[in-house]
Amino acid sequence: MKKLLTRREALVTVAGAGIGAAAAFGQTRVGNPPYPAWKTEFRQLAPNVYAYTQAGGPGVPSSAISNGACIMGPDRWMAIDAFAAPPHTKAFLAAAKNLAGGRPCERLINTHHHADHTTGNCFFLPAEIVGHEYCREAVIKGGISNLAGRPESWKVGMEELKLAPPTTTFDDRSHIVYHYGNTDVHVLYNGGPAHTWGDALIYLPQYKILWAGDVAFFYVAPAAQSGHISKWIESIDRINRMDVDVIVPGHGPVGSKKELAETREYLTMLKAEAKRRYDMKMSPGKAAAEIEDRFGKYSTWTDPAAIRTVNSVVRLYAEFNDSLTSETDTAAVAAASQEYLKIRGGSGQLR
């Protein structure tokens, strides 16, 4: 692997993005390990290869703030993921334009169909949009995001949104390679259901860099609303067998297999706790309320929102009773959420 650049060479601050966080470490419970805050920035990982992270960590609101990338060629460039709302995508594109120096964006890869990675697809047109065939189907079925429940600041420009699903797709057997100058970009099917039924991995073998999409959450509570947690763990095991040094997660700072191991540990813990309560015939809502008190160090992670725990427990219960499908069971989640709120003494809707 080519030597990664120095910190001075590696950090390219986003101009005009309007979001940032000072480097810091924080913890919310005595005895739990600290975890970092991270900036909204482009970070150069290799020649012409830039990871884009959106700010998160202690004291930084970051719900549904996802990551992306710019990979530059001599006369064109490609992007990875399109973000949750118009201001996020426009900030990325403005900063990418500075990096590109007039080169057009030729291609956008969607790692999966969730709205926080695809809502901004339309702002990349007329670039080619690439994704797994399930990603395309799910984006079309989901329609245009209405950004319900999101901050008003996210809704600026939402009248410009239009549906823009992937127009080029690959299936479970496909392996696409793109060439941007000397950089070979491999687009791989994840190998099975994990965070969704259509996860893509973007791998740069000569630099040992992987964009893992939402198969990886670093210092951010994983969301399993349409995932298969057991197979998600298997997916992480497959990544660990790859020749990879640097991993860009779907959410959180740039990391490595060390941080990926913590994602796996979180999912394994959650599955074990849920299975114990499933075998006791405990309801999903009550199970989620109990499990949340056992998160330990994970309680300090960004977005440890109750809805994530409830969703994950509902998915695991469906997995245990062989009723799991690729889509979220909204009725089961709603029932479990209300039970959770009743037990925890909350009211209204989970965030």
Protein backbone atom coordinates (compact mmCIF):
# COMPACT_ATOMS: atom_id res chain seq x y z
CA MET A 1 0.00 0.00 0.00
CA LYS A 2 1.17 3.49 -0.76
CA LYS A 3 1.94 5.52 2.32
CA LEU A 4 -1.01 7.59 3.51
CA LEU A 5 -0.50 11.30 3.39
CA THR A 6 0.53 13.39 6.37
CA ARG A 7 -2.14 15.09 8.44
CA ARG A 8 -1.24 18.45 6.87
CA GLU A 9 -1.60 16.92 3.40
CA ALA A 10 -4.58 14.82 4.36
CA LEU A 11 -7.09 17.38 5.61
CA VAL A 12 -8.94 19.55 3.13
CA THR A 13 -11.49 21.61 5.04
CA VAL A 14 -14.88 22.00 3.43
CA ALA A 15 -15.34 25.57 2.26
CA GLY A 16 -18.72 27.06 3.05
CA ALA A 17 -20.29 23.87 4.34
CA GLY A 18 -21.47 25.65 7.45
CA ILE A 19 -21.12 22.59 9.67
CA GLY A 20 -18.17 21.73 11.85
CA ALA A 21 -16.98 20.49 15.18
CA ALA A 22 -13.75 21.04 17.04
CA ALA A 23 -11.67 17.93 17.56
CA ALA A 24 -12.67 16.65 20.97
CA PHE A 25 -13.29 13.61 23.04
CA GLY A 26 -16.33 13.06 25.19
CA GLN A 27 -18.11 10.59 27.37
CA THR A 28 -21.48 10.66 29.05
CA ARG A 29 -21.15 8.08 31.78
CA VAL A 30 -18.40 7.65 34.33
CA GLY A 31 -16.16 4.71 33.47
CA ASN A 32 -17.08 4.55 29.80
CA PRO A 33 -14.27 5.14 27.29
CA PRO A 34 -14.14 8.51 25.53
CA TYR A 35 -14.98 8.81 21.86
CA PRO A 36 -14.08 11.50 19.35
CA ALA A 37 -15.95 14.28 17.67
CA TRP A 38 -15.26 14.64 13.97
CA LYS A 39 -15.51 17.45 11.45
CA THR A 40 -17.36 18.03 8.24
CA GLU A 41 -14.47 17.81 5.83
CA PHE A 42 -12.82 16.23 2.86
CA ARG A 43 -9.91 14.10 3.98
CA GLN A 44 -7.40 12.96 1.40
CA LEU A 45 -6.66 9.26 1.83
CA ALA A 46 -4.50 8.70 -1.26
CA PRO A 47 -3.62 10.60 -4.44
CA ASN A 48 -6.91 11.92 -5.91
CA VAL A 49 -8.96 9.98 -3.32
CA TYR A 50 -11.00 11.94 -0.77
CA ALA A 51 -13.32 10.75 1.97
CA TYR A 52 -16.10 13.13 2.97
CA THR A 53 -17.39 13.03 6.54
CA GLN A 54 -20.16 15.08 8.10
CA ALA A 55 -19.71 16.35 11.63
CA GLY A 56 -20.67 14.23 14.62
CA GLY A 57 -19.66 13.19 18.10
CA PRO A 58 -20.08 14.70 21.58
CA GLY A 59 -22.34 17.73 21.50
CA VAL A 60 -22.81 17.64 17.73
CA PRO A 61 -26.35 16.91 16.49
CA SER A 62 -25.89 14.42 13.65
CA SER A 63 -29.00 12.30 13.14
CA ALA A 64 -28.89 10.80 9.63
CA ILE A 65 -25.67 12.65 8.75
CA SER A 66 -23.91 10.26 6.38
CA ASN A 67 -20.55 10.14 4.60
CA GLY A 68 -19.45 10.20 0.99
CA ALA A 69 -16.44 10.51 -1.29
CA CYS A 70 -14.74 12.10 -4.28
CA ILE A 71 -12.45 10.03 -6.50
CA MET A 72 -10.74 12.15 -9.13
CA GLY A 73 -9.62 11.23 -12.62
CA PRO A 74 -7.72 13.36 -15.14
CA ASP A 75 -10.88 14.87 -16.65
CA ARG A 76 -13.79 13.62 -14.54
CA TRP A 77 -14.62 12.37 -11.06
CA MET A 78 -17.00 10.05 -9.26
CA ALA A 79 -18.90 10.41 -5.99
CA ILE A 80 -20.13 7.98 -3.37
CA ASP A 81 -23.57 8.63 -1.82
CA ALA A 82 -25.81 11.68 -1.99
CA PHE A 83 -26.85 12.60 1.58
CA ALA A 84 -30.10 13.23 3.39
CA ALA A 85 -31.24 16.71 2.43
CA PRO A 86 -30.62 19.45 -0.16
CA PRO A 87 -28.31 21.56 2.05
CA HIS A 88 -26.09 18.53 2.79
CA THR A 89 -25.76 17.60 -0.88
CA LYS A 90 -25.20 21.17 -2.05
CA ALA A 91 -22.47 21.69 0.56
CA PHE A 92 -20.74 18.53 -0.64
CA LEU A 93 -21.01 19.52 -4.30
CA ALA A 94 -19.70 23.04 -3.64
CA ALA A 95 -16.66 21.66 -1.85
CA ALA A 96 -16.15 18.94 -4.46
CA LYS A 97 -16.25 21.57 -7.21
CA ASN A 98 -13.26 23.27 -5.61
CA LEU A 99 -11.37 19.98 -5.52
CA ALA A 100 -12.32 19.07 -9.08
CA GLY A 101 -11.16 22.35 -10.59
CA GLY A 102 -13.78 22.30 -13.33
CA ARG A 103 -13.83 18.56 -13.95
CA PRO A 104 -17.43 17.28 -14.13
CA CYS A 105 -18.93 14.59 -11.93
CA GLU A 106 -19.42 11.61 -14.21
CA ARG A 107 -20.82 9.04 -11.81
CA LEU A 108 -22.49 8.59 -8.41
CA ILE A 109 -22.47 5.26 -6.55
CA ASN A 110 -25.25 4.62 -4.01
CA THR A 111 -24.11 2.24 -1.27
CA HIS A 112 -27.77 1.42 -0.49
CA HIS A 113 -31.28 2.82 -0.81
CA HIS A 114 -31.90 4.61 2.50
CA ALA A 115 -32.96 8.24 2.13
CA ASP A 116 -29.95 9.63 4.00
CA HIS A 117 -27.77 8.25 1.17
CA THR A 118 -30.03 8.87 -1.85
CA THR A 119 -32.28 11.90 -1.30
CA GLY A 120 -29.72 14.15 -2.96
CA ASN A 121 -29.27 11.93 -6.04
CA CYS A 122 -31.10 14.41 -8.26
CA PHE A 123 -28.49 17.13 -7.64
CA PHE A 124 -25.85 14.97 -9.35
CA LEU A 125 -27.76 14.64 -12.62
CA PRO A 126 -26.94 14.22 -15.46
CA ALA A 127 -24.26 12.01 -13.90
CA GLU A 128 -24.78 8.26 -14.13
CA ILE A 129 -26.21 6.83 -10.89
CA VAL A 130 -25.11 3.29 -10.02
CA GLY A 131 -26.47 0.92 -7.38
CA HIS A 132 -27.52 -2.64 -6.63
CA GLU A 133 -30.72 -3.69 -8.37
CA TYR A 134 -32.49 -3.87 -5.00
CA CYS A 135 -31.34 -0.31 -4.26
CA ARG A 136 -32.98 0.93 -7.46
CA GLU A 137 -36.25 -0.88 -6.71
CA ALA A 138 -36.36 0.40 -3.15
CA VAL A 139 -35.59 4.02 -4.11
CA ILE A 140 -38.44 3.94 -6.63
CA LYS A 141 -40.82 2.35 -4.14
CA GLY A 142 -39.85 4.78 -1.39
CA GLY A 143 -40.47 7.85 -3.52
CA ILE A 144 -39.18 11.34 -2.82
CA SER A 145 -38.26 11.97 0.82
CA ASN A 146 -40.53 14.49 2.55
CA LEU A 147 -37.95 15.02 5.32
CA ALA A 148 -40.69 14.53 7.91
CA GLY A 149 -39.43 15.03 11.44
CA ARG A 150 -36.17 16.58 10.28
CA PRO A 151 -34.97 20.08 11.28
CA GLU A 152 -36.36 22.97 9.24
CA SER A 153 -32.84 23.81 8.14
CA TRP A 154 -32.75 20.51 6.26
CA LYS A 155 -35.82 21.45 4.21
CA VAL A 156 -34.32 24.45 2.45
CA GLY A 157 -34.50 23.66 -1.25
CA MET A 158 -36.66 20.56 -0.88
CA GLU A 159 -38.98 21.82 -3.62
CA GLU A 160 -36.10 21.00 -5.99
CA LEU A 161 -36.10 17.32 -5.07
CA LYS A 162 -37.10 14.77 -7.67
CA LEU A 163 -36.86 11.02 -7.79
CA ALA A 164 -33.51 9.88 -9.19
CA PRO A 165 -32.96 6.14 -8.68
CA PRO A 166 -29.88 4.33 -9.96
CA THR A 167 -29.99 4.02 -13.74
CA THR A 168 -27.18 1.47 -13.92
CA THR A 169 -27.53 -1.57 -11.67
CA PHE A 170 -25.61 -4.68 -10.73
CA ASP A 171 -26.85 -7.90 -9.20
CA ASP A 172 -25.58 -10.37 -6.60
CA ARG A 173 -23.06 -11.82 -9.04
CA SER A 174 -21.74 -8.57 -10.48
CA HIS A 175 -18.38 -6.92 -9.92
CA ILE A 176 -17.83 -3.58 -11.63
CA VAL A 177 -14.43 -1.91 -12.02
CA TYR A 178 -14.07 1.76 -12.92
CA HIS A 179 -10.78 3.45 -13.74
CA TYR A 180 -10.01 7.02 -12.69
CA GLY A 181 -6.50 7.77 -13.79
CA ASN A 182 -4.31 5.31 -11.89
CA THR A 183 -7.04 4.49 -9.39
CA ASP A 184 -9.04 1.28 -9.85
CA VAL A 185 -12.46 1.49 -8.20
CA HIS A 186 -14.12 -1.87 -7.54
CA VAL A 187 -17.88 -1.84 -6.85
CA LEU A 188 -18.83 -5.07 -5.11
CA TYR A 189 -22.05 -6.59 -3.90
CA ASN A 190 -21.80 -6.99 -0.15
CA GLY A 191 -22.33 -10.75 -0.44
CA GLY A 192 -25.73 -11.03 1.22
CA PRO A 193 -28.28 -9.08 3.24
CA ALA A 194 -26.70 -6.96 5.96
CA HIS A 195 -27.79 -3.38 6.66
CA THR A 196 -30.13 -3.80 3.66
CA TRP A 197 -30.72 -6.36 0.92
CA GLY A 198 -28.70 -4.28 -1.56
CA ASP A 199 -25.51 -3.04 0.12
CA ALA A 200 -22.56 -2.09 -2.09
CA LEU A 201 -18.92 -1.94 -1.08
CA ILE A 202 -16.48 0.34 -2.91
CA TYR A 203 -12.93 -0.98 -2.74
CA LEU A 204 -9.65 0.58 -3.87
CA PRO A 205 -7.25 -2.38 -3.72
CA GLN A 206 -4.01 -0.55 -4.52
CA TYR A 207 -4.59 1.73 -1.53
CA LYS A 208 -6.36 -0.81 0.70
CA ILE A 209 -9.27 1.58 1.23
CA LEU A 210 -12.91 0.51 1.58
CA TRP A 211 -16.13 2.50 1.61
CA ALA A 212 -18.38 0.16 3.58
CA GLY A 213 -21.59 2.20 3.54
CA ASP A 214 -23.85 1.42 6.47
CA VAL A 215 -22.33 -1.98 7.03
CA ALA A 216 -20.01 0.14 9.20
CA PHE A 217 -21.07 2.64 11.88
CA PHE A 218 -18.17 4.16 13.84
CA TYR A 219 -19.09 5.77 17.18
CA VAL A 220 -22.67 6.01 15.92
CA ALA A 221 -25.42 3.62 17.03
CA PRO A 222 -26.17 1.27 14.09
CA ALA A 223 -29.66 1.43 12.60
CA ALA A 224 -31.19 -1.89 11.56
CA GLN A 225 -34.59 -0.80 10.30
CA SER A 226 -34.35 -3.01 7.20
CA GLY A 227 -31.36 -5.15 8.07
CA HIS A 228 -30.56 -8.78 8.80
CA ILE A 229 -28.37 -8.53 11.88
CA SER A 230 -26.95 -12.07 11.85
CA LYS A 231 -25.92 -11.73 8.20
CA TRP A 232 -24.68 -8.23 8.91
CA ILE A 233 -22.24 -9.74 11.39
CA GLU A 234 -21.20 -12.24 8.70
CA SER A 235 -20.64 -9.34 6.30
CA ILE A 236 -18.29 -7.69 8.77
CA ASP A 237 -16.41 -10.97 9.03
CA ARG A 238 -15.99 -11.01 5.23
CA ILE A 239 -14.62 -7.45 5.30
CA ASN A 240 -12.16 -8.49 8.00
CA ARG A 241 -10.79 -11.08 5.58
CA MET A 242 -10.20 -8.41 2.92
CA ASP A 243 -6.85 -6.67 2.45
CA VAL A 244 -8.06 -3.37 3.89
CA ASP A 245 -6.32 -0.81 6.10
CA VAL A 246 -8.67 2.18 5.93
CA ILE A 247 -12.45 1.95 6.22
CA VAL A 248 -14.85 4.81 5.58
CA PRO A 249 -18.13 4.04 7.37
CA GLY A 250 -21.59 5.17 6.34
CA HIS A 251 -21.70 7.19 9.55
CA GLY A 252 -18.83 8.34 11.76
CA PRO A 253 -15.16 9.22 11.28
CA VAL A 254 -12.71 7.46 8.97
CA GLY A 255 -11.37 4.38 10.76
CA SER A 256 -10.08 0.85 10.34
CA LYS A 257 -10.84 -2.75 11.25
CA LYS A 258 -10.46 -1.73 14.88
CA GLU A 259 -13.58 0.43 14.72
CA LEU A 260 -15.33 -2.15 12.56
CA ALA A 261 -14.75 -4.69 15.34
CA GLU A 262 -16.70 -2.40 17.67
CA THR A 263 -19.60 -2.29 15.20
CA ARG A 264 -19.57 -6.08 15.23
CA GLU A 265 -19.38 -6.18 19.02
CA TYR A 266 -22.39 -3.89 19.29
CA LEU A 267 -24.47 -6.03 16.93
CA THR A 268 -23.39 -9.27 18.64
CA MET A 269 -24.28 -7.87 22.05
CA LEU A 270 -27.65 -6.66 20.79
CA LYS A 271 -28.45 -10.04 19.23
CA ALA A 272 -27.52 -11.97 22.39
CA GLU A 273 -29.58 -9.68 24.62
CA ALA A 274 -32.57 -9.86 22.29
CA LYS A 275 -32.37 -13.66 21.96
CA ARG A 276 -32.35 -14.07 25.72
CA ARG A 277 -35.55 -12.06 26.00
CA TYR A 278 -37.15 -13.69 22.96
CA ASP A 279 -36.62 -17.08 24.60
CA MET A 280 -38.29 -15.68 27.74
CA LYS A 281 -41.26 -14.69 25.51
CA MET A 282 -40.77 -11.03 26.40
CA SER A 283 -42.40 -8.52 24.07
CA PRO A 284 -40.14 -6.50 21.73
CA GLY A 285 -40.98 -3.16 23.34
CA LYS A 286 -40.17 -4.38 26.82
CA ALA A 287 -37.02 -6.09 25.56
CA ALA A 288 -35.83 -2.86 23.93
CA ALA A 289 -36.45 -0.94 27.16
CA GLU A 290 -34.38 -3.42 29.16
CA ILE A 291 -31.58 -3.78 26.61
CA GLU A 292 -31.03 -0.03 26.43
CA ASP A 293 -29.91 -0.11 30.07
CA ARG A 294 -27.20 -2.63 29.19
CA PHE A 295 -25.46 -0.67 26.44
CA GLY A 296 -22.49 0.29 28.59
CA LYS A 297 -19.92 2.12 26.47
CA TYR A 298 -22.30 2.18 23.54
CA SER A 299 -24.61 4.49 25.45
CA THR A 300 -22.08 7.24 24.74
CA TRP A 301 -22.22 6.81 20.99
CA THR A 302 -23.91 9.40 18.79
CA ASP A 303 -27.62 8.88 18.15
CA PRO A 304 -28.33 6.16 20.74
CA ALA A 305 -31.97 6.96 19.96
CA ALA A 306 -34.62 4.64 21.32
CA ILE A 307 -36.12 4.10 17.87
CA ARG A 308 -32.89 2.42 16.79
CA THR A 309 -33.06 -0.06 19.66
CA VAL A 310 -36.74 -0.76 19.06
CA ASN A 311 -36.21 -1.24 15.34
CA SER A 312 -33.29 -3.58 15.91
CA VAL A 313 -35.16 -5.71 18.43
CA VAL A 314 -38.17 -5.99 16.12
CA ARG A 315 -35.83 -7.11 13.30
CA LEU A 316 -34.12 -9.66 15.54
CA TYR A 317 -37.43 -11.11 16.77
CA ALA A 318 -38.52 -11.53 13.14
CA GLU A 319 -35.20 -13.20 12.40
CA PHE A 320 -35.64 -15.59 15.34
CA ASN A 321 -39.14 -16.62 14.24
CA ASP A 322 -38.25 -16.84 10.53
CA SER A 323 -40.58 -14.03 9.46
CA LEU A 324 -37.89 -11.50 8.45
CA THR A 325 -38.27 -9.80 5.06
CA SER A 326 -36.33 -7.07 3.28
CA GLU A 327 -38.81 -4.39 4.32
CA THR A 328 -39.43 -2.70 7.66
CA ASP A 329 -42.47 -4.01 9.54
CA THR A 330 -43.86 -0.58 10.40
CA ALA A 331 -46.83 -1.95 12.35
CA ALA A 332 -44.59 -4.06 14.60
CA VAL A 333 -42.22 -1.15 15.12
CA ALA A 334 -45.10 1.19 16.00
CA ALA A 335 -46.52 -1.26 18.55
CA ALA A 336 -43.12 -1.90 20.11
CA SER A 337 -42.40 1.84 20.20
CA GLN A 338 -45.57 2.60 22.13
CA GLU A 339 -44.82 -0.15 24.62
CA TYR A 340 -41.27 1.13 24.99
CA LEU A 341 -42.52 4.67 25.66
CA LYS A 342 -45.00 3.43 28.25
CA ILE A 343 -42.29 1.52 30.12
CA ARG A 344 -39.72 4.31 29.92
CA GLY A 345 -42.22 6.96 30.96
CA GLY A 346 -42.02 8.84 27.69
CA SER A 347 -44.75 10.24 25.52
CA GLY A 348 -45.24 11.12 21.88
CA GLN A 349 -43.14 9.69 19.08
CA LEU A 350 -39.69 8.22 19.27
CA ARG A 351 -37.04 10.14 17.39
